[in-house]
């Protein structure tokens, strides 16, 4: 069972990953954060329950995680 503390820690990890994408690939310029926000707001407007909206928010933050090119990933090491 996921507790609220675990949920907040998972959210913190996801936010950190999305911020790391910005550091590595600045051309994305917080695109994933805007997608997450807009997706959350649309879900809110159409009456999606809060629990699912939170999942949508986290998925929006991670949707571009694979956008890093192989060259960018190699340059990290």
Protein backbone atom coordinates (compact mmCIF):
# COMPACT_ATOMS: atom_id res chain seq x y z
CA UNK A 1 0.00 0.00 0.00
CA UNK A 2 1.35 3.42 -0.92
CA UNK A 3 1.24 5.90 1.93
CA UNK A 4 1.01 9.67 1.53
CA UNK A 5 4.67 9.97 2.53
CA UNK A 6 5.68 7.50 -0.18
CA UNK A 7 3.50 9.34 -2.70
CA UNK A 8 5.20 12.66 -1.91
CA UNK A 9 8.65 11.07 -2.18
CA UNK A 10 7.74 9.54 -5.54
CA UNK A 11 6.50 12.93 -6.71
CA UNK A 12 9.78 14.54 -5.56
CA UNK A 13 11.77 11.95 -7.53
CA UNK A 14 9.69 12.55 -10.65
CA UNK A 15 10.04 16.33 -10.37
CA UNK A 16 13.80 15.93 -9.91
CA UNK A 17 14.00 13.76 -13.03
CA UNK A 18 12.04 16.29 -15.06
CA UNK A 19 14.32 19.09 -13.85
CA UNK A 20 17.36 16.97 -14.76
CA UNK A 21 16.01 16.68 -18.32
CA UNK A 22 15.97 20.49 -18.48
CA UNK A 23 19.58 20.66 -17.31
CA UNK A 24 20.74 18.09 -19.84
CA UNK A 25 18.55 19.23 -22.71
CA UNK A 26 17.69 22.95 -22.29
CA UNK A 27 15.97 23.10 -25.68
CA UNK A 28 13.03 21.32 -24.07
CA UNK A 29 12.68 24.45 -21.90
CA UNK A 30 10.23 23.03 -19.33
CA UNK A 31 8.00 21.59 -22.07
CA UNK A 32 7.20 18.54 -19.93
CA UNK A 33 6.17 20.77 -17.01
CA UNK A 34 3.75 22.69 -19.23
CA UNK A 35 2.35 19.42 -20.60
CA UNK A 36 1.89 18.12 -17.05
CA UNK A 37 0.13 21.30 -15.93
CA UNK A 38 -2.17 21.50 -18.95
CA UNK A 39 -3.02 17.80 -18.74
CA UNK A 40 -3.86 18.16 -15.05
CA UNK A 41 -6.07 21.20 -15.66
CA UNK A 42 -7.92 19.53 -18.54
CA UNK A 43 -8.50 16.44 -16.38
CA UNK A 44 -9.77 18.71 -13.61
CA UNK A 45 -12.18 20.49 -15.98
CA UNK A 46 -13.70 17.23 -17.22
CA UNK A 47 -14.15 15.87 -13.71
CA UNK A 48 -11.39 13.27 -13.44
CA UNK A 49 -10.92 12.21 -9.78
CA UNK A 50 -7.98 13.75 -7.89
CA UNK A 51 -6.08 10.45 -7.56
CA UNK A 52 -6.05 9.98 -11.34
CA UNK A 53 -5.23 13.67 -11.94
CA UNK A 54 -2.13 13.26 -9.79
CA UNK A 55 -1.07 10.29 -11.92
CA UNK A 56 -1.70 12.32 -15.07
CA UNK A 57 0.48 15.11 -13.66
CA UNK A 58 3.35 12.71 -12.97
CA UNK A 59 3.02 11.11 -16.40
CA UNK A 60 3.15 14.53 -18.00
CA UNK A 61 6.38 15.30 -16.17
CA UNK A 62 7.94 12.07 -17.44
CA UNK A 63 6.56 11.95 -20.97
CA UNK A 64 9.77 13.38 -22.51
CA UNK A 65 12.22 11.41 -20.40
CA UNK A 66 13.32 9.51 -23.51
CA UNK A 67 13.95 12.70 -25.48
CA UNK A 68 17.59 12.76 -24.53
CA UNK A 69 19.69 11.74 -27.48
CA UNK A 70 22.26 9.00 -27.23
CA UNK A 71 25.02 11.60 -27.61
CA UNK A 72 23.63 13.59 -24.66
CA UNK A 73 23.47 10.45 -22.53
CA UNK A 74 27.03 9.44 -23.42
CA UNK A 75 28.34 12.93 -22.64
CA UNK A 76 27.12 12.51 -19.06
CA UNK A 77 29.80 9.87 -18.42
